[in-house]
Amino acid sequence: MPSRILIISDTHGLIRPEIAEAAPGFDFVLHAGDIGSRECLEGLRAVNPNLVSVAGNVDWYLIAGGFPEQVEWRHEGYTFKIVHDLQTLKGDSLSGWDFVIFGHSHKPAEYRSGKTHFINPGSAGPRRFRLPISYATLELDAQGGHALRFHEIPPRKS
């Protein structure tokens, strides 16, 4: 059975109902920073306790408390580097990973460099400019395959 991972970033203190409803159905939730508040962090942990997260540039209250700004995570033979702003990493720290998960730009993106997949799920928080509200899902199988999907959340009508 594949392992299912929900990937989010840039919640900025907002847990959207779509994320709260989806999260319990995943084995893990990866959050690439700019969580936005302790309440948001605890709320995400409440809907899925298997939360792996890093602090982003707005999470000074977490950084001051020693919360990690980068995480190296391994799961079922896959290696992950999770960071908020990709620009804070140097070239050597990006090589050798199966996946690098990042946020900051609020723009969903996927690209590959060598064997490494770079994934930015976009922003699951308040809408910024005309950028989509989005998250990503990743399914990993034991044979080394994976399936990545991006999901757009329609903006709420005022």
N, C-alpha and C. Protein backbone atom coordinates (compact mmCIF):
# COMPACT_ATOMS: atom_id res chain seq x y z
N MET A 1 0.84 -1.18 0.00
CA MET A 1 0.00 0.00 0.00
C MET A 1 0.89 1.24 0.00
N PRO A 2 0.60 2.21 -0.87
CA PRO A 2 1.45 3.41 -0.93
C PRO A 2 1.32 4.26 0.34
N SER A 3 2.36 5.00 0.61
CA SER A 3 2.35 5.97 1.70
C SER A 3 1.83 7.28 1.13
N ARG A 4 0.92 7.93 1.85
CA ARG A 4 0.29 9.17 1.36
C ARG A 4 0.72 10.35 2.22
N ILE A 5 1.21 11.40 1.54
CA ILE A 5 1.73 12.58 2.23
C ILE A 5 1.03 13.83 1.70
N LEU A 6 0.52 14.65 2.63
CA LEU A 6 -0.07 15.94 2.30
C LEU A 6 1.03 16.98 2.49
N ILE A 7 1.22 17.85 1.50
CA ILE A 7 2.28 18.86 1.55
C ILE A 7 1.64 20.24 1.49
N ILE A 8 1.93 21.06 2.52
CA ILE A 8 1.38 22.42 2.58
C ILE A 8 2.49 23.41 2.94
N SER A 9 2.19 24.68 2.72
CA SER A 9 3.11 25.74 3.11
C SER A 9 2.32 27.04 3.24
N ASP A 10 2.93 27.99 3.88
CA ASP A 10 2.42 29.36 3.93
C ASP A 10 0.95 29.43 4.34
N THR A 11 0.64 28.79 5.47
CA THR A 11 -0.73 28.86 6.00
C THR A 11 -1.00 30.21 6.67
N HIS A 12 0.03 30.87 7.15
CA HIS A 12 -0.09 32.20 7.75
C HIS A 12 -1.23 32.28 8.76
N GLY A 13 -1.32 31.26 9.63
CA GLY A 13 -2.30 31.26 10.70
C GLY A 13 -3.67 30.74 10.33
N LEU A 14 -3.87 30.30 9.11
CA LEU A 14 -5.18 29.85 8.64
C LEU A 14 -5.17 28.36 8.32
N ILE A 15 -6.06 27.62 8.97
CA ILE A 15 -6.26 26.22 8.60
C ILE A 15 -7.57 26.18 7.81
N ARG A 16 -7.44 26.05 6.53
CA ARG A 16 -8.64 26.00 5.67
C ARG A 16 -9.41 24.72 5.93
N PRO A 17 -10.74 24.77 5.83
CA PRO A 17 -11.55 23.57 6.04
C PRO A 17 -11.13 22.42 5.12
N GLU A 18 -10.73 22.74 3.90
CA GLU A 18 -10.31 21.70 2.96
C GLU A 18 -9.08 20.95 3.45
N ILE A 19 -8.17 21.67 4.11
CA ILE A 19 -6.96 21.05 4.66
C ILE A 19 -7.33 20.24 5.90
N ALA A 20 -8.15 20.81 6.78
CA ALA A 20 -8.56 20.10 8.00
C ALA A 20 -9.32 18.82 7.68
N GLU A 21 -10.11 18.83 6.62
CA GLU A 21 -10.85 17.64 6.23
C GLU A 21 -9.96 16.60 5.56
N ALA A 22 -8.99 17.04 4.78
CA ALA A 22 -8.13 16.12 4.04
C ALA A 22 -7.04 15.49 4.92
N ALA A 23 -6.48 16.26 5.83
CA ALA A 23 -5.29 15.84 6.58
C ALA A 23 -5.40 14.50 7.30
N PRO A 24 -6.53 14.18 7.94
CA PRO A 24 -6.58 12.89 8.64
C PRO A 24 -6.43 11.67 7.73
N GLY A 25 -6.70 11.82 6.44
CA GLY A 25 -6.59 10.71 5.50
C GLY A 25 -5.19 10.46 5.00
N PHE A 26 -4.21 11.19 5.50
CA PHE A 26 -2.83 11.05 5.05
C PHE A 26 -1.96 10.47 6.15
N ASP A 27 -0.91 9.77 5.74
CA ASP A 27 0.02 9.19 6.71
C ASP A 27 0.84 10.28 7.40
N PHE A 28 1.18 11.32 6.65
CA PHE A 28 1.98 12.44 7.18
C PHE A 28 1.52 13.73 6.55
N VAL A 29 1.75 14.83 7.26
CA VAL A 29 1.59 16.18 6.72
C VAL A 29 2.95 16.85 6.82
N LEU A 30 3.44 17.36 5.70
CA LEU A 30 4.68 18.13 5.68
C LEU A 30 4.32 19.60 5.48
N HIS A 31 4.84 20.47 6.35
CA HIS A 31 4.55 21.91 6.26
C HIS A 31 5.87 22.64 6.05
N ALA A 32 5.96 23.37 4.95
CA ALA A 32 7.20 24.05 4.58
C ALA A 32 7.28 25.49 5.09
N GLY A 33 6.73 25.75 6.26
CA GLY A 33 6.95 27.02 6.94
C GLY A 33 5.97 28.14 6.64
N ASP A 34 6.15 29.23 7.38
CA ASP A 34 5.20 30.33 7.50
C ASP A 34 3.87 29.78 8.01
N ILE A 35 3.99 29.12 9.15
CA ILE A 35 2.83 28.53 9.82
C ILE A 35 1.90 29.66 10.27
N GLY A 36 2.46 30.66 10.90
CA GLY A 36 1.71 31.86 11.21
C GLY A 36 1.27 32.04 12.64
N SER A 37 1.10 30.95 13.38
CA SER A 37 0.72 31.08 14.80
C SER A 37 0.87 29.74 15.49
N ARG A 38 1.04 29.79 16.79
CA ARG A 38 1.09 28.55 17.58
C ARG A 38 -0.24 27.81 17.48
N GLU A 39 -1.34 28.56 17.44
CA GLU A 39 -2.66 27.94 17.34
C GLU A 39 -2.81 27.16 16.04
N CYS A 40 -2.28 27.69 14.97
CA CYS A 40 -2.33 26.99 13.68
C CYS A 40 -1.49 25.72 13.75
N LEU A 41 -0.31 25.81 14.33
CA LEU A 41 0.55 24.64 14.48
C LEU A 41 -0.14 23.55 15.30
N GLU A 42 -0.73 23.93 16.42
CA GLU A 42 -1.43 22.96 17.27
C GLU A 42 -2.68 22.43 16.57
N GLY A 43 -3.37 23.28 15.83
CA GLY A 43 -4.55 22.84 15.09
C GLY A 43 -4.20 21.81 14.03
N LEU A 44 -3.08 22.02 13.35
CA LEU A 44 -2.64 21.05 12.35
C LEU A 44 -2.26 19.73 13.01
N ARG A 45 -1.58 19.81 14.15
CA ARG A 45 -1.23 18.59 14.88
C ARG A 45 -2.48 17.84 15.36
N ALA A 46 -3.53 18.60 15.67
CA ALA A 46 -4.76 17.97 16.13
C ALA A 46 -5.45 17.19 15.01
N VAL A 47 -5.38 17.69 13.77
CA VAL A 47 -6.03 16.97 12.67
C VAL A 47 -5.15 15.85 12.11
N ASN A 48 -3.84 15.95 12.31
CA ASN A 48 -2.94 14.86 11.94
C ASN A 48 -1.68 14.99 12.79
N PRO A 49 -1.51 14.12 13.79
CA PRO A 49 -0.36 14.23 14.69
C PRO A 49 0.97 13.92 14.00
N ASN A 50 0.94 13.35 12.81
CA ASN A 50 2.17 13.05 12.07
C ASN A 50 2.57 14.25 11.21
N LEU A 51 2.77 15.37 11.88
CA LEU A 51 3.14 16.63 11.23
C LEU A 51 4.65 16.81 11.30
N VAL A 52 5.25 17.05 10.15
CA VAL A 52 6.68 17.38 10.08
C VAL A 52 6.73 18.80 9.53
N SER A 53 7.31 19.73 10.28
CA SER A 53 7.22 21.13 9.91
C SER A 53 8.51 21.88 10.18
N VAL A 54 8.67 22.98 9.44
CA VAL A 54 9.79 23.90 9.67
C VAL A 54 9.22 25.29 9.87
N ALA A 55 10.00 26.15 10.49
CA ALA A 55 9.62 27.55 10.66
C ALA A 55 9.97 28.33 9.41
N GLY A 56 9.12 29.28 9.07
CA GLY A 56 9.39 30.19 7.96
C GLY A 56 9.76 31.56 8.47
N ASN A 57 9.93 32.50 7.56
CA ASN A 57 10.39 33.84 7.94
C ASN A 57 9.40 34.60 8.80
N VAL A 58 8.11 34.25 8.81
CA VAL A 58 7.16 34.93 9.71
C VAL A 58 7.03 34.23 11.05
N ASP A 59 7.69 33.11 11.20
CA ASP A 59 7.56 32.30 12.42
C ASP A 59 8.66 32.60 13.44
N TRP A 60 8.96 33.88 13.64
CA TRP A 60 10.03 34.29 14.56
C TRP A 60 9.79 33.75 15.97
N TYR A 61 8.53 33.66 16.40
CA TYR A 61 8.18 33.16 17.73
C TYR A 61 8.60 31.69 17.88
N LEU A 62 8.53 30.92 16.79
CA LEU A 62 8.97 29.52 16.82
C LEU A 62 10.50 29.43 16.75
N ILE A 63 11.09 30.24 15.87
CA ILE A 63 12.55 30.22 15.71
C ILE A 63 13.21 30.58 17.03
N ALA A 64 12.67 31.58 17.74
CA ALA A 64 13.21 31.99 19.03
C ALA A 64 13.15 30.85 20.04
N GLY A 65 12.18 29.96 19.88
CA GLY A 65 12.05 28.82 20.78
C GLY A 65 12.81 27.59 20.33
N GLY A 66 13.61 27.72 19.28
CA GLY A 66 14.43 26.60 18.82
C GLY A 66 13.77 25.70 17.79
N PHE A 67 12.61 26.09 17.27
CA PHE A 67 11.93 25.30 16.24
C PHE A 67 12.83 25.25 15.00
N PRO A 68 12.93 24.11 14.32
CA PRO A 68 13.88 24.01 13.20
C PRO A 68 13.47 24.82 11.98
N GLU A 69 14.46 25.38 11.32
CA GLU A 69 14.24 26.08 10.06
C GLU A 69 14.49 25.15 8.88
N GLN A 70 15.10 23.99 9.15
CA GLN A 70 15.31 22.95 8.15
C GLN A 70 15.12 21.61 8.83
N VAL A 71 14.59 20.66 8.09
CA VAL A 71 14.44 19.31 8.60
C VAL A 71 14.92 18.34 7.53
N GLU A 72 15.70 17.38 7.97
CA GLU A 72 16.08 16.26 7.12
C GLU A 72 15.26 15.08 7.60
N TRP A 73 14.43 14.54 6.71
CA TRP A 73 13.45 13.52 7.10
C TRP A 73 13.58 12.32 6.18
N ARG A 74 13.49 11.14 6.75
CA ARG A 74 13.55 9.91 5.96
C ARG A 74 12.27 9.13 6.22
N HIS A 75 11.73 8.57 5.12
CA HIS A 75 10.50 7.80 5.25
C HIS A 75 10.49 6.71 4.18
N GLU A 76 10.41 5.47 4.63
CA GLU A 76 10.33 4.30 3.75
C GLU A 76 11.39 4.31 2.64
N GLY A 77 12.60 4.66 3.01
CA GLY A 77 13.71 4.65 2.06
C GLY A 77 13.86 5.92 1.24
N TYR A 78 12.95 6.86 1.37
CA TYR A 78 13.02 8.14 0.65
C TYR A 78 13.64 9.18 1.58
N THR A 79 14.38 10.12 0.99
CA THR A 79 14.99 11.19 1.78
C THR A 79 14.37 12.53 1.39
N PHE A 80 14.10 13.34 2.41
CA PHE A 80 13.46 14.64 2.22
C PHE A 80 14.28 15.71 2.92
N LYS A 81 14.39 16.85 2.29
CA LYS A 81 14.91 18.07 2.93
C LYS A 81 13.75 19.05 2.88
N ILE A 82 13.37 19.57 4.05
CA ILE A 82 12.25 20.50 4.13
C ILE A 82 12.78 21.83 4.64
N VAL A 83 12.46 22.89 3.92
CA VAL A 83 12.94 24.23 4.24
C VAL A 83 11.88 25.22 3.75
N HIS A 84 11.83 26.39 4.33
CA HIS A 84 10.84 27.37 3.86
C HIS A 84 11.33 28.08 2.60
N ASP A 85 12.44 28.75 2.69
CA ASP A 85 12.96 29.55 1.57
C ASP A 85 14.14 28.82 0.96
N LEU A 86 13.95 28.34 -0.25
CA LEU A 86 14.99 27.58 -0.95
C LEU A 86 16.28 28.38 -1.08
N GLN A 87 16.17 29.71 -1.12
CA GLN A 87 17.36 30.56 -1.28
C GLN A 87 18.27 30.53 -0.06
N THR A 88 17.79 30.01 1.07
CA THR A 88 18.63 29.94 2.27
C THR A 88 19.56 28.73 2.24
N LEU A 89 19.35 27.83 1.28
CA LEU A 89 20.20 26.64 1.18
C LEU A 89 21.33 26.87 0.20
N LYS A 90 22.42 26.23 0.45
CA LYS A 90 23.56 26.28 -0.46
C LYS A 90 23.54 25.04 -1.34
N GLY A 91 24.21 25.09 -2.47
CA GLY A 91 24.20 24.02 -3.47
C GLY A 91 24.44 22.62 -2.93
N ASP A 92 25.45 22.43 -2.10
CA ASP A 92 25.76 21.09 -1.60
C ASP A 92 24.64 20.52 -0.75
N SER A 93 23.92 21.38 -0.03
CA SER A 93 22.87 20.87 0.83
C SER A 93 21.62 20.47 0.05
N LEU A 94 21.61 20.73 -1.26
CA LEU A 94 20.47 20.35 -2.09
C LEU A 94 20.69 19.04 -2.83
N SER A 95 21.92 18.59 -2.91
CA SER A 95 22.18 17.36 -3.67
C SER A 95 22.01 16.14 -2.77
N GLY A 96 21.64 15.04 -3.38
CA GLY A 96 21.55 13.79 -2.66
C GLY A 96 20.20 13.51 -2.01
N TRP A 97 19.23 14.37 -2.19
CA TRP A 97 17.90 14.16 -1.61
C TRP A 97 16.97 13.65 -2.69
N ASP A 98 16.01 12.82 -2.29
CA ASP A 98 14.97 12.42 -3.24
C ASP A 98 14.01 13.58 -3.48
N PHE A 99 13.65 14.28 -2.38
CA PHE A 99 12.70 15.39 -2.47
C PHE A 99 13.19 16.56 -1.63
N VAL A 100 13.08 17.76 -2.19
CA VAL A 100 13.29 18.99 -1.43
C VAL A 100 11.93 19.70 -1.44
N ILE A 101 11.38 19.89 -0.26
CA ILE A 101 10.08 20.53 -0.09
C ILE A 101 10.32 21.95 0.40
N PHE A 102 9.70 22.93 -0.26
CA PHE A 102 9.92 24.33 0.12
C PHE A 102 8.66 25.14 -0.13
N GLY A 103 8.64 26.36 0.36
CA GLY A 103 7.50 27.26 0.20
C GLY A 103 7.99 28.65 -0.13
N HIS A 104 7.49 29.64 0.57
CA HIS A 104 7.90 31.04 0.56
C HIS A 104 7.34 31.86 -0.60
N SER A 105 7.37 31.35 -1.81
CA SER A 105 6.94 32.14 -2.97
C SER A 105 5.42 32.17 -3.15
N HIS A 106 4.71 31.26 -2.51
CA HIS A 106 3.27 31.10 -2.65
C HIS A 106 2.89 30.57 -4.04
N LYS A 107 3.86 30.16 -4.83
CA LYS A 107 3.61 29.67 -6.18
C LYS A 107 3.87 28.17 -6.25
N PRO A 108 2.85 27.38 -6.62
CA PRO A 108 3.09 25.95 -6.76
C PRO A 108 4.14 25.70 -7.84
N ALA A 109 5.04 24.75 -7.57
CA ALA A 109 6.09 24.45 -8.53
C ALA A 109 6.60 23.04 -8.31
N GLU A 110 7.04 22.45 -9.40
CA GLU A 110 7.72 21.16 -9.35
C GLU A 110 8.78 21.17 -10.44
N TYR A 111 9.97 20.76 -10.08
CA TYR A 111 11.00 20.56 -11.08
C TYR A 111 12.00 19.55 -10.55
N ARG A 112 12.84 19.12 -11.43
CA ARG A 112 13.81 18.09 -11.08
C ARG A 112 15.21 18.60 -11.41
N SER A 113 16.16 18.28 -10.54
CA SER A 113 17.56 18.56 -10.79
C SER A 113 18.32 17.29 -10.40
N GLY A 114 18.88 16.60 -11.38
CA GLY A 114 19.50 15.32 -11.11
C GLY A 114 18.44 14.35 -10.62
N LYS A 115 18.71 13.70 -9.51
CA LYS A 115 17.72 12.75 -8.96
C LYS A 115 16.74 13.42 -7.98
N THR A 116 16.92 14.70 -7.73
CA THR A 116 16.12 15.40 -6.72
C THR A 116 14.90 16.07 -7.32
N HIS A 117 13.74 15.79 -6.71
CA HIS A 117 12.49 16.47 -7.06
C HIS A 117 12.31 17.65 -6.11
N PHE A 118 12.10 18.83 -6.65
CA PHE A 118 11.82 20.02 -5.87
C PHE A 118 10.33 20.28 -5.95
N ILE A 119 9.70 20.45 -4.77
CA ILE A 119 8.25 20.63 -4.72
C ILE A 119 7.90 21.82 -3.83
N ASN A 120 7.19 22.78 -4.41
CA ASN A 120 6.60 23.87 -3.65
C ASN A 120 5.09 23.71 -3.80
N PRO A 121 4.38 23.42 -2.69
CA PRO A 121 2.93 23.19 -2.80
C PRO A 121 2.12 24.45 -3.04
N GLY A 122 2.76 25.63 -3.01
CA GLY A 122 2.04 26.89 -3.07
C GLY A 122 1.58 27.27 -1.68
N SER A 123 0.62 28.15 -1.58
CA SER A 123 0.14 28.63 -0.29
C SER A 123 -1.24 28.08 0.01
N ALA A 124 -1.40 27.51 1.22
CA ALA A 124 -2.70 27.04 1.68
C ALA A 124 -3.34 28.07 2.61
N GLY A 125 -2.72 29.22 2.75
CA GLY A 125 -3.23 30.25 3.66
C GLY A 125 -4.04 31.30 2.94
N PRO A 126 -4.07 32.51 3.49
CA PRO A 126 -4.83 33.59 2.85
C PRO A 126 -4.32 33.85 1.43
N ARG A 127 -5.24 34.14 0.54
CA ARG A 127 -4.86 34.38 -0.85
C ARG A 127 -3.99 35.63 -0.94
N ARG A 128 -2.97 35.55 -1.76
CA ARG A 128 -2.04 36.66 -1.95
C ARG A 128 -2.01 37.01 -3.43
N PHE A 129 -2.24 38.26 -3.73
CA PHE A 129 -2.28 38.73 -5.10
C PHE A 129 -3.28 37.87 -5.90
N ARG A 130 -2.90 37.40 -7.04
CA ARG A 130 -3.77 36.54 -7.85
C ARG A 130 -3.27 35.10 -7.86
N LEU A 131 -2.38 34.78 -6.92
CA LEU A 131 -1.83 33.43 -6.87
C LEU A 131 -2.87 32.44 -6.39
N PRO A 132 -2.78 31.19 -6.86
CA PRO A 132 -3.77 30.20 -6.41
C PRO A 132 -3.57 29.82 -4.95
N ILE A 133 -4.63 29.34 -4.34
CA ILE A 133 -4.57 28.73 -3.02
C ILE A 133 -4.40 27.24 -3.30
N SER A 134 -3.33 26.64 -2.79
CA SER A 134 -3.06 25.27 -3.22
C SER A 134 -2.30 24.46 -2.18
N TYR A 135 -2.30 23.16 -2.43
CA TYR A 135 -1.50 22.20 -1.66
C TYR A 135 -1.14 21.07 -2.62
N ALA A 136 -0.30 20.18 -2.15
CA ALA A 136 0.11 19.05 -2.98
C ALA A 136 -0.07 17.75 -2.21
N THR A 137 -0.20 16.66 -2.95
CA THR A 137 -0.23 15.34 -2.34
C THR A 137 0.80 14.48 -3.05
N LEU A 138 1.42 13.62 -2.28
CA LEU A 138 2.47 12.75 -2.80
C LEU A 138 2.21 11.34 -2.32
N GLU A 139 2.16 10.41 -3.26
CA GLU A 139 2.05 8.99 -2.93
C GLU A 139 3.37 8.32 -3.27
N LEU A 140 3.89 7.56 -2.32
CA LEU A 140 5.15 6.86 -2.49
C LEU A 140 4.90 5.37 -2.44
N ASP A 141 5.51 4.63 -3.36
CA ASP A 141 5.37 3.17 -3.27
C ASP A 141 6.72 2.55 -2.95
N ALA A 142 6.68 1.32 -2.49
CA ALA A 142 7.89 0.63 -2.02
C ALA A 142 8.87 0.33 -3.15
N GLN A 143 8.41 0.38 -4.39
CA GLN A 143 9.29 0.09 -5.54
C GLN A 143 10.03 1.33 -6.05
N GLY A 144 9.91 2.44 -5.35
CA GLY A 144 10.64 3.65 -5.75
C GLY A 144 9.83 4.58 -6.63
N GLY A 145 8.57 4.29 -6.87
CA GLY A 145 7.72 5.17 -7.67
C GLY A 145 6.99 6.18 -6.81
N HIS A 146 6.55 7.23 -7.45
CA HIS A 146 5.77 8.22 -6.72
C HIS A 146 4.79 8.92 -7.67
N ALA A 147 3.75 9.47 -7.09
CA ALA A 147 2.76 10.24 -7.83
C ALA A 147 2.53 11.54 -7.08
N LEU A 148 2.75 12.66 -7.75
CA LEU A 148 2.57 13.99 -7.18
C LEU A 148 1.38 14.65 -7.87
N ARG A 149 0.51 15.25 -7.06
CA ARG A 149 -0.62 16.01 -7.59
C ARG A 149 -0.72 17.34 -6.87
N PHE A 150 -1.05 18.38 -7.62
CA PHE A 150 -1.34 19.68 -7.04
C PHE A 150 -2.86 19.86 -6.99
N HIS A 151 -3.33 20.50 -5.92
CA HIS A 151 -4.77 20.72 -5.73
C HIS A 151 -4.99 22.20 -5.48
N GLU A 152 -5.90 22.79 -6.23
CA GLU A 152 -6.23 24.20 -6.04
C GLU A 152 -7.51 24.31 -5.22
N ILE A 153 -7.51 25.20 -4.25
CA ILE A 153 -8.68 25.45 -3.42
C ILE A 153 -9.32 26.74 -3.95
N PRO A 154 -10.60 26.68 -4.33
CA PRO A 154 -11.24 27.90 -4.84
C PRO A 154 -11.31 28.97 -3.75
N PRO A 155 -11.08 30.22 -4.12
CA PRO A 155 -11.20 31.29 -3.11
C PRO A 155 -12.63 31.39 -2.61
N ARG A 156 -12.76 31.77 -1.35
CA ARG A 156 -14.09 31.94 -0.75
C ARG A 156 -14.74 33.20 -1.34
N LYS A 157 -16.03 33.12 -1.52
CA LYS A 157 -16.79 34.29 -1.97
C LYS A 157 -17.08 35.17 -0.76
N SER A 158 -16.89 36.44 -0.91
CA SER A 158 -17.15 37.37 0.20
C SER A 158 -18.59 37.77 0.26
